[in-house]
Protein backbone atom coordinates (compact mmCIF):
# COMPACT_ATOMS: atom_id res chain seq x y z
CA MET A 1 -11.68 -2.82 15.60
CA GLY A 2 -8.74 -0.69 14.13
CA TYR A 3 -8.05 2.59 14.88
CA ILE A 4 -9.46 4.37 11.86
CA LEU A 5 -12.77 2.50 12.33
CA GLU A 6 -13.01 3.53 16.05
CA LEU A 7 -12.03 7.28 14.63
CA ARG A 8 -14.94 7.06 12.07
CA LYS A 9 -17.55 5.99 14.87
CA THR A 10 -17.15 9.81 16.04
CA LEU A 11 -16.12 11.72 12.72
CA GLY A 12 -18.17 10.07 10.20
CA SER A 13 -16.74 10.41 6.94
CA ARG A 14 -15.19 13.88 7.69
CA PRO A 15 -11.39 14.32 6.17
CA VAL A 16 -8.73 12.66 8.68
CA ILE A 17 -5.07 12.55 8.49
CA MET A 18 -4.20 8.79 7.88
CA ALA A 19 -0.49 7.98 9.01
CA GLY A 20 0.32 4.31 7.76
CA ALA A 21 2.88 2.47 5.31
CA GLY A 22 3.07 0.64 2.08
CA VAL A 23 5.38 -1.93 0.74
CA ILE A 24 6.79 -2.10 -3.01
CA LEU A 25 7.51 -6.13 -3.12
CA LEU A 26 9.86 -6.59 -5.79
CA ASN A 27 10.63 -10.28 -6.90
CA ASP A 28 13.83 -11.63 -8.20
CA LYS A 29 12.54 -10.55 -11.97
CA ASN A 30 12.17 -6.99 -10.42
CA GLU A 31 8.22 -7.38 -10.83
CA ILE A 32 6.01 -5.30 -8.36
CA LEU A 33 3.32 -7.36 -6.47
CA LEU A 34 -0.26 -5.84 -6.68
CA GLY A 35 -3.47 -6.81 -5.44
CA ARG A 36 -6.71 -6.10 -7.18
CA ARG A 37 -8.82 -4.61 -4.19
CA THR A 38 -11.95 -5.58 -3.32
CA ASP A 39 -13.21 -2.04 -2.45
CA ASN A 40 -12.58 -0.07 -5.49
CA GLY A 41 -11.37 -2.51 -8.04
CA TYR A 42 -8.11 -0.89 -8.52
CA TRP A 43 -4.49 -2.78 -8.42
CA ASP A 44 -2.29 -1.58 -5.49
CA TYR A 45 0.81 -2.43 -3.43
CA PRO A 46 0.00 -3.77 -0.03
CA ALA A 47 -0.54 -0.81 2.46
CA GLY A 48 -2.56 0.15 5.22
CA SER A 49 -3.17 2.59 8.39
CA MET A 50 -1.29 2.54 11.78
CA GLU A 51 -2.54 1.24 14.88
CA LEU A 52 -2.00 3.07 18.01
CA GLY A 53 1.38 2.40 19.20
CA GLU A 54 2.85 1.03 16.07
CA SER A 55 5.83 2.21 14.22
CA PHE A 56 5.91 2.79 10.46
CA GLU A 57 7.90 -0.44 9.87
CA GLU A 58 5.70 -2.62 11.85
CA CYS A 59 2.73 -1.25 10.11
CA ALA A 60 4.40 -2.12 6.95
CA ARG A 61 5.09 -5.67 8.04
CA ARG A 62 1.79 -6.41 9.34
CA GLU A 63 0.06 -4.98 6.29
CA VAL A 64 1.99 -7.27 4.00
CA LEU A 65 1.47 -10.22 6.17
CA GLU A 66 -2.25 -9.68 6.55
CA GLU A 67 -2.92 -8.98 2.59
CA THR A 68 -0.27 -11.42 1.03
CA GLY A 69 0.74 -14.03 3.90
CA LEU A 70 4.33 -12.88 3.13
CA THR A 71 6.76 -11.82 5.68
CA CYS A 72 9.06 -9.00 5.12
CA GLU A 73 12.72 -9.22 5.85
CA LYS A 74 14.80 -6.25 5.35
CA LEU A 75 12.77 -2.99 4.26
CA GLU A 76 14.57 -0.37 2.51
CA TYR A 77 13.24 3.19 2.52
CA LEU A 78 11.74 4.58 -0.54
CA MET A 79 9.74 7.91 -0.01
CA ASP A 80 7.21 9.43 2.10
CA ILE A 81 4.19 10.76 0.87
CA SER A 82 1.98 13.49 2.19
CA GLY A 83 -0.19 16.66 1.44
CA GLU A 84 -2.56 17.72 -1.01
CA ASP A 85 -2.17 15.16 -3.32
CA THR A 86 -2.66 12.61 -1.17
CA PHE A 87 -6.37 13.21 -0.88
CA TYR A 88 -8.68 10.08 -1.13
CA GLU A 89 -12.39 9.81 -1.05
CA TYR A 90 -13.36 5.72 -0.55
CA PRO A 91 -15.99 4.22 -2.33
CA ASN A 92 -18.11 4.48 1.31
CA GLY A 93 -17.73 8.45 1.36
CA ASP A 94 -14.79 8.08 3.98
CA LYS A 95 -12.09 11.10 3.12
CA VAL A 96 -8.61 10.88 3.90
CA TYR A 97 -5.28 12.79 3.30
CA LEU A 98 -2.42 10.16 3.63
CA ALA A 99 0.72 10.48 5.60
CA VAL A 100 2.67 7.54 4.56
CA ILE A 101 6.28 5.79 4.21
CA ILE A 102 6.71 3.65 1.33
CA TYR A 103 9.08 0.86 1.59
CA LEU A 104 10.57 -1.52 -1.11
CA CYS A 105 11.15 -5.02 0.06
CA ARG A 106 12.96 -7.56 -1.71
CA ASP A 107 13.60 -9.71 1.01
CA PHE A 108 10.33 -11.68 1.74
CA THR A 109 9.35 -15.34 2.57
CA GLY A 110 6.21 -17.47 3.11
CA ASP A 111 3.34 -18.51 0.89
CA MET A 112 1.57 -16.04 -0.88
CA LYS A 113 -2.17 -15.75 -0.24
CA VAL A 114 -4.95 -13.83 -1.25
CA GLN A 115 -6.78 -12.06 1.71
CA ALA A 116 -10.41 -12.20 0.48
CA GLU A 117 -11.56 -9.23 2.42
CA GLU A 118 -9.38 -6.91 0.91
CA ALA A 119 -8.38 -8.54 -2.84
CA PHE A 120 -9.74 -10.56 -5.75
CA GLU A 121 -6.48 -11.53 -6.47
CA GLN A 122 -2.80 -10.73 -6.76
CA ARG A 123 0.14 -11.09 -8.96
CA PHE A 124 3.52 -9.87 -10.10
CA PHE A 125 4.00 -7.18 -12.93
CA PRO A 126 6.76 -6.06 -14.57
CA ILE A 127 7.19 -2.11 -13.68
CA ASP A 128 6.94 -0.88 -17.57
CA GLN A 129 3.49 -2.80 -17.74
CA LEU A 130 1.49 -2.31 -14.69
CA PRO A 131 -2.36 -2.77 -15.19
CA GLU A 132 -4.06 0.54 -16.07
CA ASN A 133 -6.52 0.09 -13.36
CA THR A 134 -4.20 1.40 -10.56
CA PRO A 135 -5.51 4.32 -8.25
CA PRO A 136 -5.93 7.52 -9.85
CA LEU A 137 -3.83 9.61 -7.31
CA LYS A 138 -1.24 11.54 -8.98
CA ILE A 139 1.10 10.48 -5.89
CA LYS A 140 0.61 6.86 -7.03
CA ALA A 141 2.21 7.81 -10.61
CA ARG A 142 5.03 9.16 -8.64
CA ILE A 143 5.47 6.24 -6.62
CA PHE A 144 5.86 4.05 -9.58
CA GLU A 145 7.79 6.41 -11.48
CA LYS A 146 10.48 6.29 -8.40
CA VAL A 147 10.27 2.30 -8.37
CA SER A 148 11.25 2.28 -11.98
CA GLU A 149 14.05 4.33 -11.47
CA TYR A 150 15.04 2.26 -8.70
CA VAL A 151 14.58 -1.12 -10.78
CA LYS A 152 16.75 0.47 -13.71
CA GLY A 153 19.16 1.66 -11.36
CA ILE A 154 19.97 -1.87 -10.24
């Protein structure tokens, strides 16, 4: 059982600050990997909460491997997110404020596979043709804008 699930046993669905990491995986066509999540149906990049004693980079690498079957080699810092715009309520009623580091990864290996508990499907999208069903958080739009700027700057 993970750290956040353990906290939920005591705190219920009250808001918590959830530290974690996310990774924007870009293929050689500068397309971004997104998975359609089973809990809310949104298309999103691999991300998740930290476990006790884990670094942001370790969390990022673990989440990508668990969710996609891919192994990240070099991670590049993109941005950090926290604050009021990161509030999210999960479909089960759990409330969180995110404190997350977002990385870019262009250097990954392995065979892509879908983790059935977390995603229905996953695929690469051109950054200017993302699916409409992405998380409605303002912060997500800023992340995708920053990735778009990054891709245009290459």
